[in-house]
Amino acid sequence: MTITLLTPPALEPVTLADMRQFLRLDSDREDSLLTGLIKAARETLEQQAGLALINQTWRLYADHWPRHGLITICKYPVRSIVSATAYAEDGTPVVVAAQDVRLDEAARPARLYLAAQSTNPLSGLEVDFVAGFGETGTDVPDALRHAIMTLVAHWYEFRGVYVAAQQPVSYPPAFERMIGLWRRVSL
């Protein structure tokens, strides 16, 4: 299965003002740099921990109907299922009815249960879903917001020491500890 981002988050979980205060900066001369670092830090955190911080829409692609009608969604937290579309062998889309889709969003990974497959063979499936802690940065757990600010501060401090090809040089231990509890570990 593959997932693709359809709609990115509308804003970042850490504001520019929060970041300037964290870094103790009085001027706005570095705002464009800080904006880019905040976005890169959020993307890094989301990738490493399998999270979506601010609500965003994703599409999951499957090549065939799932065995036993169960799909696991590796983004966390999944808020809702927008739509599910199956495809017949000739490519005709078949919308899966809302009553045939059940989401267990409390589990990690989230589990999507689909009703039994029809007698017609299906060759693919697309599921659009919304993942994220909420619409604003205040919905994101404080430890994750602090992890972003810690990583941005680290990158900001060491931005001129190493050339672009050597970036990112490292992650600060505090960042690793803060997101460690949120990482999904498979056994």
N, C-alpha and C. Protein backbone atom coordinates (compact mmCIF):
# COMPACT_ATOMS: atom_id res chain seq x y z
N MET A 1 0.83 -1.18 0.00
CA MET A 1 0.00 0.00 0.00
C MET A 1 0.88 1.24 0.00
N THR A 2 0.36 2.26 -0.64
CA THR A 2 1.06 3.53 -0.75
C THR A 2 0.12 4.62 -0.26
N ILE A 3 0.66 5.64 0.39
CA ILE A 3 -0.16 6.79 0.73
C ILE A 3 0.47 8.05 0.16
N THR A 4 -0.40 8.98 -0.24
CA THR A 4 0.03 10.23 -0.86
C THR A 4 -0.72 11.38 -0.19
N LEU A 5 0.00 12.45 0.05
CA LEU A 5 -0.61 13.64 0.63
C LEU A 5 -1.43 14.36 -0.43
N LEU A 6 -2.72 14.59 -0.15
CA LEU A 6 -3.59 15.32 -1.07
C LEU A 6 -3.70 16.79 -0.68
N THR A 7 -3.95 17.04 0.60
CA THR A 7 -4.09 18.40 1.09
C THR A 7 -3.16 18.59 2.27
N PRO A 8 -2.13 19.43 2.12
CA PRO A 8 -1.20 19.63 3.24
C PRO A 8 -1.87 20.41 4.36
N PRO A 9 -1.23 20.46 5.53
CA PRO A 9 -1.81 21.23 6.63
C PRO A 9 -1.93 22.71 6.25
N ALA A 10 -2.96 23.35 6.75
CA ALA A 10 -3.21 24.76 6.43
C ALA A 10 -2.22 25.69 7.11
N LEU A 11 -1.63 25.23 8.21
CA LEU A 11 -0.66 26.05 8.94
C LEU A 11 0.31 25.13 9.66
N GLU A 12 1.33 25.72 10.23
CA GLU A 12 2.33 24.95 10.97
C GLU A 12 1.93 24.92 12.45
N PRO A 13 2.31 23.87 13.17
CA PRO A 13 1.95 23.77 14.59
C PRO A 13 2.70 24.76 15.48
N VAL A 14 3.81 25.31 14.98
CA VAL A 14 4.59 26.30 15.72
C VAL A 14 4.56 27.59 14.92
N THR A 15 4.17 28.67 15.57
CA THR A 15 4.11 29.96 14.88
C THR A 15 5.49 30.60 14.83
N LEU A 16 5.62 31.54 13.93
CA LEU A 16 6.86 32.29 13.80
C LEU A 16 7.15 33.07 15.09
N ALA A 17 6.10 33.61 15.70
CA ALA A 17 6.27 34.36 16.96
C ALA A 17 6.78 33.44 18.07
N ASP A 18 6.22 32.21 18.15
CA ASP A 18 6.68 31.24 19.15
C ASP A 18 8.15 30.91 18.93
N MET A 19 8.52 30.75 17.67
CA MET A 19 9.90 30.38 17.35
C MET A 19 10.87 31.52 17.66
N ARG A 20 10.47 32.74 17.32
CA ARG A 20 11.31 33.89 17.65
C ARG A 20 11.50 34.02 19.15
N GLN A 21 10.44 33.79 19.91
CA GLN A 21 10.54 33.86 21.37
C GLN A 21 11.44 32.74 21.90
N PHE A 22 11.31 31.54 21.36
CA PHE A 22 12.13 30.40 21.79
C PHE A 22 13.61 30.68 21.54
N LEU A 23 13.91 31.30 20.40
CA LEU A 23 15.29 31.61 20.04
C LEU A 23 15.78 32.94 20.62
N ARG A 24 14.88 33.69 21.25
CA ARG A 24 15.19 35.00 21.81
C ARG A 24 15.67 35.98 20.73
N LEU A 25 14.93 36.00 19.63
CA LEU A 25 15.24 36.92 18.53
C LEU A 25 14.29 38.10 18.60
N ASP A 26 14.82 39.30 18.45
CA ASP A 26 14.01 40.52 18.51
C ASP A 26 13.59 41.03 17.14
N SER A 27 14.35 40.69 16.11
CA SER A 27 14.05 41.22 14.79
C SER A 27 13.38 40.17 13.92
N ASP A 28 12.85 40.64 12.79
CA ASP A 28 12.19 39.73 11.85
C ASP A 28 13.06 39.47 10.62
N ARG A 29 14.36 39.77 10.71
CA ARG A 29 15.26 39.59 9.56
C ARG A 29 15.41 38.13 9.15
N GLU A 30 15.24 37.21 10.07
CA GLU A 30 15.44 35.79 9.79
C GLU A 30 14.11 35.04 9.57
N ASP A 31 13.02 35.76 9.39
CA ASP A 31 11.71 35.12 9.31
C ASP A 31 11.58 34.11 8.18
N SER A 32 12.10 34.42 7.01
CA SER A 32 11.96 33.46 5.89
C SER A 32 12.76 32.20 6.18
N LEU A 33 13.93 32.32 6.77
CA LEU A 33 14.71 31.15 7.16
C LEU A 33 13.97 30.34 8.21
N LEU A 34 13.45 31.01 9.23
CA LEU A 34 12.74 30.31 10.30
C LEU A 34 11.49 29.61 9.78
N THR A 35 10.78 30.25 8.86
CA THR A 35 9.58 29.63 8.28
C THR A 35 9.94 28.32 7.59
N GLY A 36 10.99 28.33 6.81
CA GLY A 36 11.44 27.11 6.13
C GLY A 36 11.91 26.05 7.11
N LEU A 37 12.61 26.47 8.16
CA LEU A 37 13.08 25.50 9.16
C LEU A 37 11.93 24.88 9.94
N ILE A 38 10.91 25.67 10.25
CA ILE A 38 9.73 25.14 10.96
C ILE A 38 9.05 24.08 10.11
N LYS A 39 8.86 24.37 8.83
CA LYS A 39 8.21 23.39 7.94
C LYS A 39 9.06 22.13 7.82
N ALA A 40 10.37 22.29 7.65
CA ALA A 40 11.25 21.13 7.53
C ALA A 40 11.26 20.31 8.81
N ALA A 41 11.24 20.97 9.95
CA ALA A 41 11.23 20.25 11.23
C ALA A 41 9.93 19.49 11.42
N ARG A 42 8.80 20.11 11.05
CA ARG A 42 7.51 19.40 11.14
C ARG A 42 7.51 18.17 10.24
N GLU A 43 7.96 18.34 8.99
CA GLU A 43 7.99 17.22 8.06
C GLU A 43 8.91 16.11 8.57
N THR A 44 10.04 16.47 9.15
CA THR A 44 10.97 15.49 9.71
C THR A 44 10.32 14.73 10.84
N LEU A 45 9.70 15.44 11.76
CA LEU A 45 9.04 14.81 12.89
C LEU A 45 7.93 13.88 12.41
N GLU A 46 7.09 14.37 11.49
CA GLU A 46 5.99 13.54 10.99
C GLU A 46 6.50 12.28 10.33
N GLN A 47 7.56 12.39 9.54
CA GLN A 47 8.12 11.24 8.84
C GLN A 47 8.72 10.23 9.82
N GLN A 48 9.50 10.72 10.79
CA GLN A 48 10.16 9.82 11.72
C GLN A 48 9.20 9.12 12.67
N ALA A 49 8.11 9.80 13.03
CA ALA A 49 7.19 9.23 14.02
C ALA A 49 5.91 8.67 13.41
N GLY A 50 5.70 8.85 12.10
CA GLY A 50 4.48 8.35 11.47
C GLY A 50 3.25 9.15 11.88
N LEU A 51 3.44 10.42 12.15
CA LEU A 51 2.36 11.27 12.62
C LEU A 51 1.90 12.26 11.55
N ALA A 52 0.72 12.81 11.78
CA ALA A 52 0.22 13.99 11.07
C ALA A 52 -0.16 14.95 12.18
N LEU A 53 0.49 16.09 12.28
CA LEU A 53 0.26 16.99 13.40
C LEU A 53 -0.99 17.84 13.23
N ILE A 54 -1.04 18.60 12.15
CA ILE A 54 -2.21 19.43 11.83
C ILE A 54 -3.02 18.67 10.78
N ASN A 55 -4.36 18.77 10.85
CA ASN A 55 -5.21 18.00 9.93
C ASN A 55 -4.76 18.17 8.49
N GLN A 56 -4.67 17.04 7.80
CA GLN A 56 -4.28 16.97 6.40
C GLN A 56 -4.97 15.77 5.75
N THR A 57 -5.20 15.85 4.47
CA THR A 57 -5.91 14.78 3.77
C THR A 57 -4.91 13.93 2.99
N TRP A 58 -5.05 12.63 3.14
CA TRP A 58 -4.18 11.64 2.50
C TRP A 58 -5.00 10.68 1.67
N ARG A 59 -4.36 10.05 0.71
CA ARG A 59 -4.99 8.99 -0.08
C ARG A 59 -4.15 7.73 0.04
N LEU A 60 -4.80 6.65 0.42
CA LEU A 60 -4.16 5.34 0.51
C LEU A 60 -4.55 4.55 -0.74
N TYR A 61 -3.55 3.98 -1.39
CA TYR A 61 -3.78 3.16 -2.59
C TYR A 61 -3.48 1.71 -2.26
N ALA A 62 -4.38 0.81 -2.66
CA ALA A 62 -4.16 -0.63 -2.52
C ALA A 62 -4.39 -1.26 -3.88
N ASP A 63 -3.57 -2.25 -4.22
CA ASP A 63 -3.67 -2.90 -5.53
C ASP A 63 -4.82 -3.89 -5.63
N HIS A 64 -5.35 -4.29 -4.49
CA HIS A 64 -6.42 -5.29 -4.48
C HIS A 64 -7.27 -5.11 -3.23
N TRP A 65 -8.40 -5.76 -3.20
CA TRP A 65 -9.27 -5.69 -2.02
C TRP A 65 -8.52 -6.33 -0.86
N PRO A 66 -8.56 -5.70 0.33
CA PRO A 66 -7.78 -6.22 1.45
C PRO A 66 -8.30 -7.56 1.96
N ARG A 67 -7.36 -8.37 2.37
CA ARG A 67 -7.70 -9.68 2.94
C ARG A 67 -8.53 -9.46 4.19
N HIS A 68 -9.61 -10.15 4.31
CA HIS A 68 -10.54 -10.07 5.44
C HIS A 68 -11.13 -8.67 5.61
N GLY A 69 -11.01 -7.81 4.59
CA GLY A 69 -11.59 -6.48 4.63
C GLY A 69 -10.92 -5.52 5.59
N LEU A 70 -9.67 -5.80 6.01
CA LEU A 70 -8.97 -4.97 6.99
C LEU A 70 -7.81 -4.23 6.34
N ILE A 71 -7.76 -2.93 6.56
CA ILE A 71 -6.65 -2.10 6.11
C ILE A 71 -6.08 -1.39 7.34
N THR A 72 -4.77 -1.41 7.48
CA THR A 72 -4.14 -0.61 8.54
C THR A 72 -3.60 0.67 7.91
N ILE A 73 -3.82 1.77 8.62
CA ILE A 73 -3.38 3.08 8.13
C ILE A 73 -2.27 3.55 9.05
N CYS A 74 -1.11 3.73 8.49
CA CYS A 74 0.09 4.01 9.29
C CYS A 74 0.29 5.47 9.67
N LYS A 75 -0.57 6.36 9.27
CA LYS A 75 -0.52 7.75 9.75
C LYS A 75 -1.34 7.81 11.04
N TYR A 76 -0.91 8.65 11.96
CA TYR A 76 -1.61 8.76 13.23
C TYR A 76 -1.69 10.22 13.62
N PRO A 77 -2.76 10.66 14.20
CA PRO A 77 -4.05 10.01 14.40
C PRO A 77 -4.97 10.21 13.19
N VAL A 78 -5.71 9.17 12.85
CA VAL A 78 -6.68 9.26 11.74
C VAL A 78 -7.97 9.82 12.33
N ARG A 79 -8.46 10.89 11.76
CA ARG A 79 -9.66 11.56 12.27
C ARG A 79 -10.94 11.02 11.62
N SER A 80 -10.89 10.82 10.30
CA SER A 80 -12.10 10.39 9.60
C SER A 80 -11.74 9.84 8.22
N ILE A 81 -12.68 9.09 7.68
CA ILE A 81 -12.57 8.59 6.30
C ILE A 81 -13.43 9.50 5.44
N VAL A 82 -12.82 10.07 4.41
CA VAL A 82 -13.54 10.97 3.50
C VAL A 82 -14.31 10.15 2.47
N SER A 83 -13.62 9.19 1.85
CA SER A 83 -14.26 8.35 0.84
C SER A 83 -13.44 7.08 0.62
N ALA A 84 -14.10 6.07 0.10
CA ALA A 84 -13.43 4.83 -0.29
C ALA A 84 -13.98 4.46 -1.67
N THR A 85 -13.07 4.24 -2.61
CA THR A 85 -13.45 3.92 -3.97
C THR A 85 -12.70 2.68 -4.41
N ALA A 86 -13.44 1.67 -4.84
CA ALA A 86 -12.85 0.45 -5.39
C ALA A 86 -12.90 0.58 -6.91
N TYR A 87 -12.07 -0.20 -7.58
CA TYR A 87 -12.03 -0.17 -9.04
C TYR A 87 -12.23 -1.57 -9.59
N ALA A 88 -13.17 -1.67 -10.55
CA ALA A 88 -13.41 -2.94 -11.23
C ALA A 88 -12.23 -3.24 -12.14
N GLU A 89 -12.16 -4.46 -12.63
CA GLU A 89 -11.04 -4.85 -13.49
C GLU A 89 -10.93 -4.00 -14.74
N ASP A 90 -12.07 -3.46 -15.21
CA ASP A 90 -12.02 -2.60 -16.41
C ASP A 90 -11.72 -1.13 -16.06
N GLY A 91 -11.47 -0.82 -14.77
CA GLY A 91 -11.12 0.53 -14.35
C GLY A 91 -12.29 1.38 -13.91
N THR A 92 -13.48 0.82 -13.93
CA THR A 92 -14.67 1.55 -13.52
C THR A 92 -14.65 1.76 -12.00
N PRO A 93 -14.79 3.01 -11.54
CA PRO A 93 -14.81 3.25 -10.09
C PRO A 93 -16.14 2.81 -9.47
N VAL A 94 -16.03 2.21 -8.29
CA VAL A 94 -17.20 1.77 -7.53
C VAL A 94 -17.07 2.37 -6.14
N VAL A 95 -17.92 3.33 -5.81
CA VAL A 95 -17.86 3.99 -4.51
C VAL A 95 -18.33 3.01 -3.43
N VAL A 96 -17.53 2.86 -2.39
CA VAL A 96 -17.90 2.00 -1.27
C VAL A 96 -18.83 2.81 -0.38
N ALA A 97 -20.00 2.28 -0.10
CA ALA A 97 -21.01 2.99 0.70
C ALA A 97 -20.49 3.26 2.11
N ALA A 98 -20.90 4.38 2.67
CA ALA A 98 -20.44 4.79 4.00
C ALA A 98 -20.76 3.74 5.06
N GLN A 99 -21.90 3.05 4.94
CA GLN A 99 -22.26 2.03 5.93
C GLN A 99 -21.39 0.78 5.82
N ASP A 100 -20.62 0.65 4.72
CA ASP A 100 -19.73 -0.50 4.54
C ASP A 100 -18.30 -0.21 4.99
N VAL A 101 -18.10 0.97 5.58
CA VAL A 101 -16.77 1.39 6.02
C VAL A 101 -16.85 1.70 7.53
N ARG A 102 -15.94 1.08 8.29
CA ARG A 102 -15.90 1.34 9.73
C ARG A 102 -14.45 1.59 10.14
N LEU A 103 -14.22 2.67 10.86
CA LEU A 103 -12.89 3.08 11.25
C LEU A 103 -12.69 2.89 12.74
N ASP A 104 -11.58 2.23 13.11
CA ASP A 104 -11.16 2.16 14.51
C ASP A 104 -9.99 3.12 14.64
N GLU A 105 -10.31 4.41 14.90
CA GLU A 105 -9.28 5.43 14.94
C GLU A 105 -8.48 5.43 16.24
N ALA A 106 -8.96 4.72 17.26
CA ALA A 106 -8.25 4.69 18.54
C ALA A 106 -7.01 3.81 18.47
N ALA A 107 -7.00 2.85 17.57
CA ALA A 107 -5.86 1.93 17.44
C ALA A 107 -4.71 2.63 16.72
N ARG A 108 -3.51 2.14 16.99
CA ARG A 108 -2.35 2.63 16.23
C ARG A 108 -1.57 1.43 15.77
N PRO A 109 -1.53 1.15 14.49
CA PRO A 109 -2.12 1.94 13.41
C PRO A 109 -3.65 1.83 13.40
N ALA A 110 -4.29 2.86 12.86
CA ALA A 110 -5.75 2.86 12.74
C ALA A 110 -6.16 1.69 11.85
N ARG A 111 -7.32 1.15 12.15
CA ARG A 111 -7.82 0.02 11.37
C ARG A 111 -9.10 0.41 10.66
N LEU A 112 -9.12 0.14 9.38
CA LEU A 112 -10.28 0.41 8.55
C LEU A 112 -10.87 -0.93 8.15
N TYR A 113 -12.14 -1.14 8.53
CA TYR A 113 -12.82 -2.38 8.20
C TYR A 113 -13.80 -2.11 7.07
N LEU A 114 -13.69 -2.91 6.02
CA LEU A 114 -14.59 -2.79 4.87
C LEU A 114 -15.50 -4.00 4.84
N ALA A 115 -16.75 -3.79 4.46
CA ALA A 115 -17.69 -4.88 4.34
C ALA A 115 -17.19 -5.87 3.29
N ALA A 116 -17.76 -7.05 3.29
CA ALA A 116 -17.33 -8.10 2.36
C ALA A 116 -17.35 -7.61 0.92
N GLN A 117 -16.38 -8.10 0.16
CA GLN A 117 -16.27 -7.72 -1.25
C GLN A 117 -17.45 -8.27 -2.03
N SER A 118 -17.89 -7.51 -3.02
CA SER A 118 -18.97 -7.99 -3.87
C SER A 118 -18.48 -9.16 -4.72
N THR A 119 -19.38 -9.79 -5.41
CA THR A 119 -19.02 -10.94 -6.24
C THR A 119 -18.19 -10.53 -7.45
N ASN A 120 -18.24 -9.25 -7.83
CA ASN A 120 -17.44 -8.77 -8.95
C ASN A 120 -15.99 -8.60 -8.50
N PRO A 121 -15.02 -9.11 -9.28
CA PRO A 121 -13.63 -8.92 -8.87
C PRO A 121 -13.22 -7.46 -8.96
N LEU A 122 -12.46 -7.03 -7.95
CA LEU A 122 -12.00 -5.65 -7.90
C LEU A 122 -10.48 -5.64 -8.00
N SER A 123 -9.96 -4.64 -8.72
CA SER A 123 -8.52 -4.64 -8.95
C SER A 123 -7.77 -3.55 -8.19
N GLY A 124 -8.45 -2.68 -7.50
CA GLY A 124 -7.76 -1.63 -6.77
C GLY A 124 -8.69 -0.92 -5.81
N LEU A 125 -8.08 -0.14 -4.93
CA LEU A 125 -8.86 0.56 -3.91
C LEU A 125 -8.15 1.86 -3.56
N GLU A 126 -8.91 2.93 -3.42
CA GLU A 126 -8.39 4.21 -2.95
C GLU A 126 -9.22 4.64 -1.76
N VAL A 127 -8.53 5.02 -0.68
CA VAL A 127 -9.22 5.50 0.52
C VAL A 127 -8.66 6.87 0.85
N ASP A 128 -9.51 7.88 0.88
CA ASP A 128 -9.12 9.22 1.29
C ASP A 128 -9.47 9.39 2.76
N PHE A 129 -8.52 9.91 3.54
CA PHE A 129 -8.76 10.07 4.97
C PHE A 129 -8.10 11.34 5.48
N VAL A 130 -8.60 11.82 6.60
CA VAL A 130 -8.04 12.99 7.28
C VAL A 130 -7.29 12.50 8.50
N ALA A 131 -6.03 12.96 8.63
CA ALA A 131 -5.21 12.61 9.79
C ALA A 131 -4.68 13.90 10.41
N GLY A 132 -4.56 13.91 11.72
CA GLY A 132 -4.01 15.06 12.42
C GLY A 132 -4.63 15.20 13.80
N PHE A 133 -3.98 15.97 14.65
CA PHE A 133 -4.48 16.19 16.00
C PHE A 133 -5.58 17.25 16.03
N GLY A 134 -5.65 18.09 15.01
CA GLY A 134 -6.67 19.13 14.96
C GLY A 134 -6.32 20.18 13.93
N GLU A 135 -7.08 21.28 13.96
CA GLU A 135 -6.93 22.35 12.97
C GLU A 135 -5.87 23.38 13.32
N THR A 136 -5.49 23.48 14.59
CA THR A 136 -4.55 24.52 15.01
C THR A 136 -3.39 23.92 15.79
N GLY A 137 -2.36 24.72 15.98
CA GLY A 137 -1.18 24.28 16.72
C GLY A 137 -1.48 23.95 18.17
N THR A 138 -2.51 24.58 18.75
CA THR A 138 -2.85 24.29 20.14
C THR A 138 -3.43 22.89 20.32
N ASP A 139 -3.86 22.25 19.23
CA ASP A 139 -4.37 20.88 19.29
C ASP A 139 -3.24 19.85 19.34
N VAL A 140 -2.05 20.25 18.95
CA VAL A 140 -0.89 19.36 18.91
C VAL A 140 -0.31 19.24 20.32
N PRO A 141 0.05 18.02 20.75
CA PRO A 141 0.64 17.87 22.08
C PRO A 141 1.88 18.77 22.24
N ASP A 142 1.99 19.35 23.43
CA ASP A 142 3.08 20.30 23.70
C ASP A 142 4.46 19.69 23.49
N ALA A 143 4.64 18.43 23.83
CA ALA A 143 5.95 17.79 23.65
C ALA A 143 6.36 17.77 22.19
N LEU A 144 5.41 17.58 21.30
CA LEU A 144 5.72 17.56 19.87
C LEU A 144 6.01 18.96 19.35
N ARG A 145 5.30 19.95 19.83
CA ARG A 145 5.58 21.34 19.45
C ARG A 145 6.97 21.74 19.95
N HIS A 146 7.29 21.33 21.17
CA HIS A 146 8.61 21.65 21.72
C HIS A 146 9.71 20.92 20.94
N ALA A 147 9.43 19.70 20.49
CA ALA A 147 10.41 18.96 19.68
C ALA A 147 10.71 19.72 18.39
N ILE A 148 9.69 20.28 17.76
CA ILE A 148 9.90 21.06 16.54
C ILE A 148 10.77 22.28 16.85
N MET A 149 10.45 22.99 17.93
CA MET A 149 11.23 24.18 18.27
C MET A 149 12.68 23.82 18.61
N THR A 150 12.88 22.69 19.27
CA THR A 150 14.23 22.24 19.60
C THR A 150 15.02 21.93 18.34
N LEU A 151 14.39 21.24 17.39
CA LEU A 151 15.07 20.91 16.14
C LEU A 151 15.37 22.16 15.32
N VAL A 152 14.42 23.08 15.25
CA VAL A 152 14.65 24.34 14.53
C VAL A 152 15.80 25.10 15.17
N ALA A 153 15.84 25.17 16.49
CA ALA A 153 16.92 25.88 17.18
C ALA A 153 18.27 25.24 16.87
N HIS A 154 18.31 23.92 16.83
CA HIS A 154 19.55 23.20 16.51
C HIS A 154 20.00 23.51 15.09
N TRP A 155 19.09 23.41 14.14
CA TRP A 155 19.43 23.71 12.75
C TRP A 155 19.80 25.18 12.58
N TYR A 156 19.12 26.07 13.28
CA TYR A 156 19.40 27.50 13.20
C TYR A 156 20.81 27.78 13.71
N GLU A 157 21.17 27.15 14.80
CA GLU A 157 22.49 27.39 15.40
C GLU A 157 23.62 26.88 14.53
N PHE A 158 23.42 25.75 13.87
CA PHE A 158 24.49 25.13 13.09
C PHE A 158 24.35 25.36 11.59
N ARG A 159 23.55 26.33 11.17
CA ARG A 159 23.28 26.52 9.74
C ARG A 159 24.50 26.93 8.93
N GLY A 160 25.44 27.62 9.50
CA GLY A 160 26.59 28.07 8.74
C GLY A 160 27.83 27.22 8.92
N VAL A 161 27.76 26.24 9.80
CA VAL A 161 28.93 25.42 10.12
C VAL A 161 29.18 24.38 9.03
N TYR A 162 28.12 23.85 8.46
CA TYR A 162 28.22 22.78 7.47
C TYR A 162 27.57 23.22 6.16
N VAL A 163 28.07 22.71 5.05
CA VAL A 163 27.49 23.04 3.75
C VAL A 163 26.16 22.33 3.58
N ALA A 164 25.37 22.79 2.62
CA ALA A 164 24.02 22.26 2.42
C ALA A 164 24.02 20.75 2.16
N ALA A 165 25.03 20.24 1.47
CA ALA A 165 25.08 18.81 1.15
C ALA A 165 25.25 17.95 2.40
N GLN A 166 25.76 18.53 3.47
CA GLN A 166 25.97 17.79 4.71
C GLN A 166 24.80 17.91 5.68
N GLN A 167 23.76 18.63 5.29
CA GLN A 167 22.61 18.83 6.18
C GLN A 167 21.61 17.69 6.03
N PRO A 168 20.83 17.31 7.01
CA PRO A 168 21.00 17.73 8.38
C PRO A 168 22.17 16.98 9.01
N VAL A 169 22.97 17.70 9.77
CA VAL A 169 24.16 17.12 10.38
C VAL A 169 23.77 16.13 11.46
N SER A 170 22.84 16.52 12.30
CA SER A 170 22.43 15.65 13.40
C SER A 170 21.10 16.11 13.93
N TYR A 171 20.58 15.30 14.83
CA TYR A 171 19.39 15.67 15.56
C TYR A 171 19.78 15.78 17.02
N PRO A 172 19.33 16.82 17.71
CA PRO A 172 19.70 16.96 19.11
C PRO A 172 19.07 15.84 19.95
N PRO A 173 19.75 15.39 21.00
CA PRO A 173 19.20 14.32 21.84
C PRO A 173 17.82 14.66 22.41
N ALA A 174 17.59 15.93 22.74
CA ALA A 174 16.28 16.32 23.28
C ALA A 174 15.17 16.04 22.27
N PHE A 175 15.43 16.30 20.99
CA PHE A 175 14.45 16.01 19.94
C PHE A 175 14.15 14.52 19.88
N GLU A 176 15.20 13.72 19.90
CA GLU A 176 15.04 12.26 19.85
C GLU A 176 14.22 11.76 21.04
N ARG A 177 14.48 12.28 22.23
CA ARG A 177 13.74 11.85 23.42
C ARG A 177 12.28 12.26 23.35
N MET A 178 12.02 13.49 22.88
CA MET A 178 10.65 13.99 22.84
C MET A 178 9.77 13.23 21.86
N ILE A 179 10.33 12.81 20.74
CA ILE A 179 9.48 12.09 19.79
C ILE A 179 9.57 10.58 19.97
N GLY A 180 10.48 10.13 20.83
CA GLY A 180 10.64 8.70 21.05
C GLY A 180 9.37 8.00 21.49
N LEU A 181 8.60 8.64 22.34
CA LEU A 181 7.35 8.04 22.82
C LEU A 181 6.28 7.98 21.74
N TRP A 182 6.42 8.78 20.71
CA TRP A 182 5.43 8.84 19.64
C TRP A 182 5.78 7.96 18.45
N ARG A 183 7.00 7.45 18.42
CA ARG A 183 7.41 6.60 17.30
C ARG A 183 6.65 5.29 17.34
N ARG A 184 6.29 4.81 16.18
CA ARG A 184 5.64 3.51 16.07
C ARG A 184 6.74 2.48 15.88
N VAL A 185 6.77 1.49 16.75
CA VAL A 185 7.79 0.46 16.69
C VAL A 185 7.12 -0.85 16.29
N SER A 186 7.65 -1.48 15.26
CA SER A 186 7.12 -2.78 14.82
C SER A 186 8.01 -3.89 15.36
N LEU A 187 7.38 -4.95 15.75
CA LEU A 187 8.15 -6.11 16.24
C LEU A 187 8.14 -7.20 15.20
